[in-house]
ModelCIF file with pLDDT and N, C-alpha, C, O atoms, coordinates in Angstrom:
data_MODEL
#
_entry.id   MODEL 
#
_entity.id                         1 
_entity.type                       polymer 
_entity.pdbx_number_of_molecules   1 
#
_entity_poly.entity_id                      1 
_entity_poly.type                           'polypeptide(L)' 
_entity_poly.nstd_linkage                   no 
_entity_poly.nstd_monomer                   no 
_entity_poly.pdbx_seq_one_letter_code       
;(UNK)(UNK)(UNK)(UNK)(UNK)(UNK)(UNK)(UNK)(UNK)(UNK)(UNK)(UNK)(UNK)(UNK)(UNK)(UNK)
(UNK)(UNK)(UNK)(UNK)(UNK)(UNK)(UNK)(UNK)(UNK)(UNK)(UNK)(UNK)(UNK)(UNK)(UNK)(UNK)
(UNK)(UNK)(UNK)(UNK)(UNK)(UNK)(UNK)(UNK)(UNK)(UNK)(UNK)
;
_entity_poly.pdbx_seq_one_letter_code_can   XXXXXXXXXXXXXXXXXXXXXXXXXXXXXXXXXXXXXXXXXXX 
_entity_poly.pdbx_strand_id                 A 
#
loop_
_entity_poly_seq.entity_id 
_entity_poly_seq.num 
_entity_poly_seq.mon_id 
_entity_poly_seq.hetero 
1 1  UNK n 
1 2  UNK n 
1 3  UNK n 
1 4  UNK n 
1 5  UNK n 
1 6  UNK n 
1 7  UNK n 
1 8  UNK n 
1 9  UNK n 
1 10 UNK n 
1 11 UNK n 
1 12 UNK n 
1 13 UNK n 
1 14 UNK n 
1 15 UNK n 
1 16 UNK n 
1 17 UNK n 
1 18 UNK n 
1 19 UNK n 
1 20 UNK n 
1 21 UNK n 
1 22 UNK n 
1 23 UNK n 
1 24 UNK n 
1 25 UNK n 
1 26 UNK n 
1 27 UNK n 
1 28 UNK n 
1 29 UNK n 
1 30 UNK n 
1 31 UNK n 
1 32 UNK n 
1 33 UNK n 
1 34 UNK n 
1 35 UNK n 
1 36 UNK n 
1 37 UNK n 
1 38 UNK n 
1 39 UNK n 
1 40 UNK n 
1 41 UNK n 
1 42 UNK n 
1 43 UNK n 
#
_struct_asym.id          A 
_struct_asym.entity_id   1 
#
loop_
_ma_qa_metric.id 
_ma_qa_metric.mode 
_ma_qa_metric.name 
_ma_qa_metric.software_group_id 
_ma_qa_metric.type 
1 global pLDDT . pLDDT 
2 local  pLDDT . pLDDT 
#
_ma_qa_metric_global.metric_id      1 
_ma_qa_metric_global.metric_value   70.00 
_ma_qa_metric_global.model_id       1 
_ma_qa_metric_global.ordinal_id     1 
#
loop_
_ma_qa_metric_local.label_asym_id 
_ma_qa_metric_local.label_comp_id 
_ma_qa_metric_local.label_seq_id 
_ma_qa_metric_local.metric_id 
_ma_qa_metric_local.metric_value 
_ma_qa_metric_local.model_id 
_ma_qa_metric_local.ordinal_id 
A UNK 1  2 40.00 1 1  
A UNK 2  2 40.00 1 2  
A UNK 3  2 42.00 1 3  
A UNK 4  2 37.00 1 4  
A UNK 5  2 45.00 1 5  
A UNK 6  2 42.00 1 6  
A UNK 7  2 42.00 1 7  
A UNK 8  2 43.00 1 8  
A UNK 9  2 36.00 1 9  
A UNK 10 2 40.00 1 10 
A UNK 11 2 38.00 1 11 
A UNK 12 2 42.00 1 12 
A UNK 13 2 43.00 1 13 
A UNK 14 2 41.00 1 14 
A UNK 15 2 47.00 1 15 
A UNK 16 2 52.00 1 16 
A UNK 17 2 59.00 1 17 
A UNK 18 2 61.00 1 18 
A UNK 19 2 59.00 1 19 
A UNK 20 2 76.00 1 20 
A UNK 21 2 80.00 1 21 
A UNK 22 2 87.00 1 22 
A UNK 23 2 89.00 1 23 
A UNK 24 2 90.00 1 24 
A UNK 25 2 92.00 1 25 
A UNK 26 2 94.00 1 26 
A UNK 27 2 94.00 1 27 
A UNK 28 2 95.00 1 28 
A UNK 29 2 96.00 1 29 
A UNK 30 2 96.00 1 30 
A UNK 31 2 94.00 1 31 
A UNK 32 2 95.00 1 32 
A UNK 33 2 96.00 1 33 
A UNK 34 2 94.00 1 34 
A UNK 35 2 94.00 1 35 
A UNK 36 2 94.00 1 36 
A UNK 37 2 92.00 1 37 
A UNK 38 2 89.00 1 38 
A UNK 39 2 87.00 1 39 
A UNK 40 2 89.00 1 40 
A UNK 41 2 84.00 1 41 
A UNK 42 2 81.00 1 42 
A UNK 43 2 83.00 1 43 
#
loop_
_atom_site.group_PDB 
_atom_site.id 
_atom_site.type_symbol 
_atom_site.label_atom_id 
_atom_site.label_alt_id 
_atom_site.label_comp_id 
_atom_site.label_asym_id 
_atom_site.label_entity_id 
_atom_site.label_seq_id 
_atom_site.pdbx_PDB_ins_code 
_atom_site.Cartn_x 
_atom_site.Cartn_y 
_atom_site.Cartn_z 
_atom_site.occupancy 
_atom_site.B_iso_or_equiv 
_atom_site.pdbx_formal_charge 
_atom_site.auth_seq_id 
_atom_site.auth_comp_id 
_atom_site.auth_asym_id 
_atom_site.auth_atom_id 
_atom_site.pdbx_PDB_model_num 
ATOM 1   N N  . UNK A 1 1  ? 95.806  102.635 90.348  1.00 40.00 ? 1  UNK A N  1 
ATOM 2   C CA . UNK A 1 1  ? 96.870  101.692 90.036  1.00 40.00 ? 1  UNK A CA 1 
ATOM 3   C C  . UNK A 1 1  ? 96.311  100.527 89.229  1.00 40.00 ? 1  UNK A C  1 
ATOM 4   O O  . UNK A 1 1  ? 95.295  99.944  89.608  1.00 40.00 ? 1  UNK A O  1 
ATOM 5   N N  . UNK A 1 2  ? 96.955  100.183 88.133  1.00 40.00 ? 2  UNK A N  1 
ATOM 6   C CA . UNK A 1 2  ? 96.451  99.150  87.235  1.00 40.00 ? 2  UNK A CA 1 
ATOM 7   C C  . UNK A 1 2  ? 96.375  97.788  87.898  1.00 40.00 ? 2  UNK A C  1 
ATOM 8   O O  . UNK A 1 2  ? 95.565  96.955  87.493  1.00 40.00 ? 2  UNK A O  1 
ATOM 9   N N  . UNK A 1 3  ? 97.190  97.543  88.896  1.00 42.00 ? 3  UNK A N  1 
ATOM 10  C CA . UNK A 1 3  ? 97.241  96.217  89.486  1.00 42.00 ? 3  UNK A CA 1 
ATOM 11  C C  . UNK A 1 3  ? 96.092  95.953  90.456  1.00 42.00 ? 3  UNK A C  1 
ATOM 12  O O  . UNK A 1 3  ? 95.940  94.816  90.904  1.00 42.00 ? 3  UNK A O  1 
ATOM 13  N N  . UNK A 1 4  ? 95.265  96.963  90.805  1.00 37.00 ? 4  UNK A N  1 
ATOM 14  C CA . UNK A 1 4  ? 94.130  96.744  91.691  1.00 37.00 ? 4  UNK A CA 1 
ATOM 15  C C  . UNK A 1 4  ? 92.934  96.240  90.898  1.00 37.00 ? 4  UNK A C  1 
ATOM 16  O O  . UNK A 1 4  ? 92.616  96.806  89.853  1.00 37.00 ? 4  UNK A O  1 
ATOM 17  N N  . UNK A 1 5  ? 92.261  95.189  91.367  1.00 45.00 ? 5  UNK A N  1 
ATOM 18  C CA . UNK A 1 5  ? 91.054  94.715  90.687  1.00 45.00 ? 5  UNK A CA 1 
ATOM 19  C C  . UNK A 1 5  ? 89.952  95.749  90.795  1.00 45.00 ? 5  UNK A C  1 
ATOM 20  O O  . UNK A 1 5  ? 89.934  96.526  91.750  1.00 45.00 ? 5  UNK A O  1 
ATOM 21  N N  . UNK A 1 6  ? 89.014  95.781  89.823  1.00 42.00 ? 6  UNK A N  1 
ATOM 22  C CA . UNK A 1 6  ? 87.956  96.800  89.805  1.00 42.00 ? 6  UNK A CA 1 
ATOM 23  C C  . UNK A 1 6  ? 87.143  96.851  91.084  1.00 42.00 ? 6  UNK A C  1 
ATOM 24  O O  . UNK A 1 6  ? 86.767  97.931  91.540  1.00 42.00 ? 6  UNK A O  1 
ATOM 25  N N  . UNK A 1 7  ? 86.857  95.649  91.690  1.00 42.00 ? 7  UNK A N  1 
ATOM 26  C CA . UNK A 1 7  ? 86.024  95.647  92.870  1.00 42.00 ? 7  UNK A CA 1 
ATOM 27  C C  . UNK A 1 7  ? 86.647  96.384  94.042  1.00 42.00 ? 7  UNK A C  1 
ATOM 28  O O  . UNK A 1 7  ? 85.932  96.776  94.964  1.00 42.00 ? 7  UNK A O  1 
ATOM 29  N N  . UNK A 1 8  ? 87.966  96.583  94.035  1.00 43.00 ? 8  UNK A N  1 
ATOM 30  C CA . UNK A 1 8  ? 88.645  97.300  95.121  1.00 43.00 ? 8  UNK A CA 1 
ATOM 31  C C  . UNK A 1 8  ? 88.521  98.817  94.959  1.00 43.00 ? 8  UNK A C  1 
ATOM 32  O O  . UNK A 1 8  ? 88.883  99.584  95.851  1.00 43.00 ? 8  UNK A O  1 
ATOM 33  N N  . UNK A 1 9  ? 87.993  99.237  93.782  1.00 36.00 ? 9  UNK A N  1 
ATOM 34  C CA . UNK A 1 9  ? 87.957  100.662 93.505  1.00 36.00 ? 9  UNK A CA 1 
ATOM 35  C C  . UNK A 1 9  ? 86.593  101.270 93.778  1.00 36.00 ? 9  UNK A C  1 
ATOM 36  O O  . UNK A 1 9  ? 86.419  102.478 93.614  1.00 36.00 ? 9  UNK A O  1 
ATOM 37  N N  . UNK A 1 10 ? 85.628  100.474 94.188  1.00 40.00 ? 10 UNK A N  1 
ATOM 38  C CA . UNK A 1 10 ? 84.301  101.003 94.474  1.00 40.00 ? 10 UNK A CA 1 
ATOM 39  C C  . UNK A 1 10 ? 84.331  101.810 95.761  1.00 40.00 ? 10 UNK A C  1 
ATOM 40  O O  . UNK A 1 10 ? 85.168  101.570 96.632  1.00 40.00 ? 10 UNK A O  1 
ATOM 41  N N  . UNK A 1 11 ? 83.411  102.776 95.882  1.00 38.00 ? 11 UNK A N  1 
ATOM 42  C CA . UNK A 1 11 ? 83.382  103.632 97.069  1.00 38.00 ? 11 UNK A CA 1 
ATOM 43  C C  . UNK A 1 11 ? 83.220  102.847 98.354  1.00 38.00 ? 11 UNK A C  1 
ATOM 44  O O  . UNK A 1 11 ? 83.943  103.124 99.310  1.00 38.00 ? 11 UNK A O  1 
ATOM 45  N N  . UNK A 1 12 ? 82.290  101.856 98.437  1.00 42.00 ? 12 UNK A N  1 
ATOM 46  C CA . UNK A 1 12 ? 82.159  101.097 99.676  1.00 42.00 ? 12 UNK A CA 1 
ATOM 47  C C  . UNK A 1 12 ? 83.424  100.375 100.057 1.00 42.00 ? 12 UNK A C  1 
ATOM 48  O O  . UNK A 1 12 ? 83.788  100.343 101.232 1.00 42.00 ? 12 UNK A O  1 
ATOM 49  N N  . UNK A 1 13 ? 84.118  99.781  99.067  1.00 43.00 ? 13 UNK A N  1 
ATOM 50  C CA . UNK A 1 13 ? 85.342  99.043  99.368  1.00 43.00 ? 13 UNK A CA 1 
ATOM 51  C C  . UNK A 1 13 ? 86.427  99.957  99.896  1.00 43.00 ? 13 UNK A C  1 
ATOM 52  O O  . UNK A 1 13 ? 87.153  99.616  100.829 1.00 43.00 ? 13 UNK A O  1 
ATOM 53  N N  . UNK A 1 14 ? 86.524  101.135 99.278  1.00 41.00 ? 14 UNK A N  1 
ATOM 54  C CA . UNK A 1 14 ? 87.537  102.089 99.715  1.00 41.00 ? 14 UNK A CA 1 
ATOM 55  C C  . UNK A 1 14 ? 87.224  102.571 101.123 1.00 41.00 ? 14 UNK A C  1 
ATOM 56  O O  . UNK A 1 14 ? 88.132  102.709 101.942 1.00 41.00 ? 14 UNK A O  1 
ATOM 57  N N  . UNK A 1 15 ? 85.935  102.832 101.423 1.00 47.00 ? 15 UNK A N  1 
ATOM 58  C CA . UNK A 1 15 ? 85.546  103.282 102.754 1.00 47.00 ? 15 UNK A CA 1 
ATOM 59  C C  . UNK A 1 15 ? 85.887  102.234 103.802 1.00 47.00 ? 15 UNK A C  1 
ATOM 60  O O  . UNK A 1 15 ? 86.446  102.563 104.848 1.00 47.00 ? 15 UNK A O  1 
ATOM 61  N N  . UNK A 1 16 ? 85.555  100.974 103.532 1.00 52.00 ? 16 UNK A N  1 
ATOM 62  C CA . UNK A 1 16 ? 85.873  99.899  104.463 1.00 52.00 ? 16 UNK A CA 1 
ATOM 63  C C  . UNK A 1 16 ? 87.368  99.796  104.669 1.00 52.00 ? 16 UNK A C  1 
ATOM 64  O O  . UNK A 1 16 ? 87.837  99.589  105.788 1.00 52.00 ? 16 UNK A O  1 
ATOM 65  N N  . UNK A 1 17 ? 88.128  99.944  103.575 1.00 59.00 ? 17 UNK A N  1 
ATOM 66  C CA . UNK A 1 17 ? 89.587  99.847  103.674 1.00 59.00 ? 17 UNK A CA 1 
ATOM 67  C C  . UNK A 1 17 ? 90.147  100.956 104.555 1.00 59.00 ? 17 UNK A C  1 
ATOM 68  O O  . UNK A 1 17 ? 91.049  100.718 105.358 1.00 59.00 ? 17 UNK A O  1 
ATOM 69  N N  . UNK A 1 18 ? 89.612  102.179 104.405 1.00 61.00 ? 18 UNK A N  1 
ATOM 70  C CA . UNK A 1 18 ? 90.103  103.307 105.202 1.00 61.00 ? 18 UNK A CA 1 
ATOM 71  C C  . UNK A 1 18 ? 89.783  103.095 106.683 1.00 61.00 ? 18 UNK A C  1 
ATOM 72  O O  . UNK A 1 18 ? 90.642  103.298 107.541 1.00 61.00 ? 18 UNK A O  1 
ATOM 73  N N  . UNK A 1 19 ? 88.539  102.684 106.984 1.00 59.00 ? 19 UNK A N  1 
ATOM 74  C CA . UNK A 1 19 ? 88.150  102.433 108.373 1.00 59.00 ? 19 UNK A CA 1 
ATOM 75  C C  . UNK A 1 19 ? 88.991  101.313 108.963 1.00 59.00 ? 19 UNK A C  1 
ATOM 76  O O  . UNK A 1 19 ? 89.459  101.405 110.098 1.00 59.00 ? 19 UNK A O  1 
ATOM 77  N N  . UNK A 1 20 ? 89.179  100.244 108.174 1.00 76.00 ? 20 UNK A N  1 
ATOM 78  C CA . UNK A 1 20 ? 89.978  99.118  108.651 1.00 76.00 ? 20 UNK A CA 1 
ATOM 79  C C  . UNK A 1 20 ? 91.417  99.532  108.904 1.00 76.00 ? 20 UNK A C  1 
ATOM 80  O O  . UNK A 1 20 ? 92.040  99.090  109.869 1.00 76.00 ? 20 UNK A O  1 
ATOM 81  N N  . UNK A 1 21 ? 91.942  100.385 108.030 1.00 80.00 ? 21 UNK A N  1 
ATOM 82  C CA . UNK A 1 21 ? 93.327  100.824 108.202 1.00 80.00 ? 21 UNK A CA 1 
ATOM 83  C C  . UNK A 1 21 ? 93.500  101.568 109.524 1.00 80.00 ? 21 UNK A C  1 
ATOM 84  O O  . UNK A 1 21 ? 94.506  101.379 110.209 1.00 80.00 ? 21 UNK A O  1 
ATOM 85  N N  . UNK A 1 22 ? 92.550  102.400 109.886 1.00 87.00 ? 22 UNK A N  1 
ATOM 86  C CA . UNK A 1 22 ? 92.624  103.108 111.164 1.00 87.00 ? 22 UNK A CA 1 
ATOM 87  C C  . UNK A 1 22 ? 92.572  102.118 112.326 1.00 87.00 ? 22 UNK A C  1 
ATOM 88  O O  . UNK A 1 22 ? 93.306  102.254 113.304 1.00 87.00 ? 22 UNK A O  1 
ATOM 89  N N  . UNK A 1 23 ? 91.696  101.122 112.206 1.00 89.00 ? 23 UNK A N  1 
ATOM 90  C CA . UNK A 1 23 ? 91.612  100.107 113.253 1.00 89.00 ? 23 UNK A CA 1 
ATOM 91  C C  . UNK A 1 23 ? 92.895  99.314  113.390 1.00 89.00 ? 23 UNK A C  1 
ATOM 92  O O  . UNK A 1 23 ? 93.314  98.973  114.496 1.00 89.00 ? 23 UNK A O  1 
ATOM 93  N N  . UNK A 1 24 ? 93.517  99.023  112.253 1.00 90.00 ? 24 UNK A N  1 
ATOM 94  C CA . UNK A 1 24 ? 94.765  98.270  112.296 1.00 90.00 ? 24 UNK A CA 1 
ATOM 95  C C  . UNK A 1 24 ? 95.898  99.096  112.895 1.00 90.00 ? 24 UNK A C  1 
ATOM 96  O O  . UNK A 1 24 ? 96.770  98.560  113.578 1.00 90.00 ? 24 UNK A O  1 
ATOM 97  N N  . UNK A 1 25 ? 95.881  100.402 112.639 1.00 92.00 ? 25 UNK A N  1 
ATOM 98  C CA . UNK A 1 25 ? 96.890  101.255 113.269 1.00 92.00 ? 25 UNK A CA 1 
ATOM 99  C C  . UNK A 1 25 ? 96.739  101.264 114.785 1.00 92.00 ? 25 UNK A C  1 
ATOM 100 O O  . UNK A 1 25 ? 97.716  101.409 115.519 1.00 92.00 ? 25 UNK A O  1 
ATOM 101 N N  . UNK A 1 26 ? 95.497  101.109 115.241 1.00 94.00 ? 26 UNK A N  1 
ATOM 102 C CA . UNK A 1 26 ? 95.283  100.986 116.684 1.00 94.00 ? 26 UNK A CA 1 
ATOM 103 C C  . UNK A 1 26 ? 96.019  99.753  117.211 1.00 94.00 ? 26 UNK A C  1 
ATOM 104 O O  . UNK A 1 26 ? 96.618  99.792  118.286 1.00 94.00 ? 26 UNK A O  1 
ATOM 105 N N  . UNK A 1 27 ? 95.969  98.658  116.446 1.00 94.00 ? 27 UNK A N  1 
ATOM 106 C CA . UNK A 1 27 ? 96.685  97.453  116.842 1.00 94.00 ? 27 UNK A CA 1 
ATOM 107 C C  . UNK A 1 27 ? 98.195  97.624  116.807 1.00 94.00 ? 27 UNK A C  1 
ATOM 108 O O  . UNK A 1 27 ? 98.916  97.034  117.612 1.00 94.00 ? 27 UNK A O  1 
ATOM 109 N N  . UNK A 1 28 ? 98.663  98.432  115.872 1.00 95.00 ? 28 UNK A N  1 
ATOM 110 C CA . UNK A 1 28 ? 100.113 98.666  115.760 1.00 95.00 ? 28 UNK A CA 1 
ATOM 111 C C  . UNK A 1 28 ? 100.649 99.394  116.986 1.00 95.00 ? 28 UNK A C  1 
ATOM 112 O O  . UNK A 1 28 ? 101.718 99.055  117.494 1.00 95.00 ? 28 UNK A O  1 
ATOM 113 N N  . UNK A 1 29 ? 99.910  100.397 117.463 1.00 96.00 ? 29 UNK A N  1 
ATOM 114 C CA . UNK A 1 29 ? 100.419 101.231 118.558 1.00 96.00 ? 29 UNK A CA 1 
ATOM 115 C C  . UNK A 1 29 ? 100.087 100.677 119.946 1.00 96.00 ? 29 UNK A C  1 
ATOM 116 O O  . UNK A 1 29 ? 100.694 101.087 120.935 1.00 96.00 ? 29 UNK A O  1 
ATOM 117 N N  . UNK A 1 30 ? 99.134  99.755  120.025 1.00 96.00 ? 30 UNK A N  1 
ATOM 118 C CA . UNK A 1 30 ? 98.704  99.255  121.342 1.00 96.00 ? 30 UNK A CA 1 
ATOM 119 C C  . UNK A 1 30 ? 99.848  98.631  122.129 1.00 96.00 ? 30 UNK A C  1 
ATOM 120 O O  . UNK A 1 30 ? 100.064 98.974  123.292 1.00 96.00 ? 30 UNK A O  1 
ATOM 121 N N  . UNK A 1 31 ? 100.581 97.716  121.499 1.00 94.00 ? 31 UNK A N  1 
ATOM 122 C CA . UNK A 1 31 ? 101.682 97.040  122.190 1.00 94.00 ? 31 UNK A CA 1 
ATOM 123 C C  . UNK A 1 31 ? 102.784 97.978  122.638 1.00 94.00 ? 31 UNK A C  1 
ATOM 124 O O  . UNK A 1 31 ? 103.156 97.970  123.811 1.00 94.00 ? 31 UNK A O  1 
ATOM 125 N N  . UNK A 1 32 ? 103.326 98.803  121.713 1.00 95.00 ? 32 UNK A N  1 
ATOM 126 C CA . UNK A 1 32 ? 104.373 99.740  122.112 1.00 95.00 ? 32 UNK A CA 1 
ATOM 127 C C  . UNK A 1 32 ? 103.931 100.707 123.214 1.00 95.00 ? 32 UNK A C  1 
ATOM 128 O O  . UNK A 1 32 ? 104.728 101.069 124.080 1.00 95.00 ? 32 UNK A O  1 
ATOM 129 N N  . UNK A 1 33 ? 102.658 101.125 123.181 1.00 96.00 ? 33 UNK A N  1 
ATOM 130 C CA . UNK A 1 33 ? 102.161 102.018 124.225 1.00 96.00 ? 33 UNK A CA 1 
ATOM 131 C C  . UNK A 1 33 ? 102.243 101.349 125.585 1.00 96.00 ? 33 UNK A C  1 
ATOM 132 O O  . UNK A 1 33 ? 102.753 101.937 126.539 1.00 96.00 ? 33 UNK A O  1 
ATOM 133 N N  . UNK A 1 34 ? 101.743 100.120 125.680 1.00 94.00 ? 34 UNK A N  1 
ATOM 134 C CA . UNK A 1 34 ? 101.744 99.410  126.951 1.00 94.00 ? 34 UNK A CA 1 
ATOM 135 C C  . UNK A 1 34 ? 103.159 99.184  127.471 1.00 94.00 ? 34 UNK A C  1 
ATOM 136 O O  . UNK A 1 34 ? 103.438 99.414  128.647 1.00 94.00 ? 34 UNK A O  1 
ATOM 137 N N  . UNK A 1 35 ? 104.048 98.735  126.593 1.00 94.00 ? 35 UNK A N  1 
ATOM 138 C CA . UNK A 1 35 ? 105.415 98.430  127.010 1.00 94.00 ? 35 UNK A CA 1 
ATOM 139 C C  . UNK A 1 35 ? 106.173 99.713  127.368 1.00 94.00 ? 35 UNK A C  1 
ATOM 140 O O  . UNK A 1 35 ? 106.929 99.733  128.339 1.00 94.00 ? 35 UNK A O  1 
ATOM 141 N N  . UNK A 1 36 ? 105.975 100.777 126.595 1.00 94.00 ? 36 UNK A N  1 
ATOM 142 C CA . UNK A 1 36 ? 106.672 102.038 126.861 1.00 94.00 ? 36 UNK A CA 1 
ATOM 143 C C  . UNK A 1 36 ? 106.284 102.605 128.223 1.00 94.00 ? 36 UNK A C  1 
ATOM 144 O O  . UNK A 1 36 ? 107.141 103.041 128.992 1.00 94.00 ? 36 UNK A O  1 
ATOM 145 N N  . UNK A 1 37 ? 104.977 102.594 128.513 1.00 92.00 ? 37 UNK A N  1 
ATOM 146 C CA . UNK A 1 37 ? 104.522 103.103 129.816 1.00 92.00 ? 37 UNK A CA 1 
ATOM 147 C C  . UNK A 1 37 ? 105.034 102.207 130.931 1.00 92.00 ? 37 UNK A C  1 
ATOM 148 O O  . UNK A 1 37 ? 105.421 102.696 131.992 1.00 92.00 ? 37 UNK A O  1 
ATOM 149 N N  . UNK A 1 38 ? 105.041 100.897 130.701 1.00 89.00 ? 38 UNK A N  1 
ATOM 150 C CA . UNK A 1 38 ? 105.554 99.970  131.711 1.00 89.00 ? 38 UNK A CA 1 
ATOM 151 C C  . UNK A 1 38 ? 107.016 100.251 132.034 1.00 89.00 ? 38 UNK A C  1 
ATOM 152 O O  . UNK A 1 38 ? 107.404 100.312 133.200 1.00 89.00 ? 38 UNK A O  1 
ATOM 153 N N  . UNK A 1 39 ? 107.820 100.422 130.990 1.00 87.00 ? 39 UNK A N  1 
ATOM 154 C CA . UNK A 1 39 ? 109.243 100.717 131.198 1.00 87.00 ? 39 UNK A CA 1 
ATOM 155 C C  . UNK A 1 39 ? 109.410 102.062 131.891 1.00 87.00 ? 39 UNK A C  1 
ATOM 156 O O  . UNK A 1 39 ? 110.220 102.200 132.808 1.00 87.00 ? 39 UNK A O  1 
ATOM 157 N N  . UNK A 1 40 ? 108.635 103.060 131.446 1.00 89.00 ? 40 UNK A N  1 
ATOM 158 C CA . UNK A 1 40 ? 108.726 104.375 132.064 1.00 89.00 ? 40 UNK A CA 1 
ATOM 159 C C  . UNK A 1 40 ? 108.337 104.349 133.533 1.00 89.00 ? 40 UNK A C  1 
ATOM 160 O O  . UNK A 1 40 ? 108.981 104.987 134.366 1.00 89.00 ? 40 UNK A O  1 
ATOM 161 N N  . UNK A 1 41 ? 107.275 103.605 133.850 1.00 84.00 ? 41 UNK A N  1 
ATOM 162 C CA . UNK A 1 41 ? 106.844 103.468 135.235 1.00 84.00 ? 41 UNK A CA 1 
ATOM 163 C C  . UNK A 1 41 ? 107.920 102.779 136.077 1.00 84.00 ? 41 UNK A C  1 
ATOM 164 O O  . UNK A 1 41 ? 108.193 103.175 137.210 1.00 84.00 ? 41 UNK A O  1 
ATOM 165 N N  . UNK A 1 42 ? 108.531 101.728 135.489 1.00 81.00 ? 42 UNK A N  1 
ATOM 166 C CA . UNK A 1 42 ? 109.558 100.979 136.217 1.00 81.00 ? 42 UNK A CA 1 
ATOM 167 C C  . UNK A 1 42 ? 110.771 101.866 136.516 1.00 81.00 ? 42 UNK A C  1 
ATOM 168 O O  . UNK A 1 42 ? 111.363 101.783 137.592 1.00 81.00 ? 42 UNK A O  1 
ATOM 169 N N  . UNK A 1 43 ? 111.128 102.712 135.552 1.00 83.00 ? 43 UNK A N  1 
ATOM 170 C CA . UNK A 1 43 ? 112.274 103.601 135.756 1.00 83.00 ? 43 UNK A CA 1 
ATOM 171 C C  . UNK A 1 43 ? 111.928 104.732 136.716 1.00 83.00 ? 43 UNK A C  1 
ATOM 172 O O  . UNK A 1 43 ? 112.775 105.577 137.005 1.00 83.00 ? 43 UNK A O  1 
#
């Protein structure tokens, strides 16, 4: 994509971005997991 700066296209940067993205997805699902199990347990 033309709008990405060159430094974002290097292999190390892309690798860090991919690893970070997986870690961030962990943060996305953590809250819903806890609340869903809590509600399920309560019911």
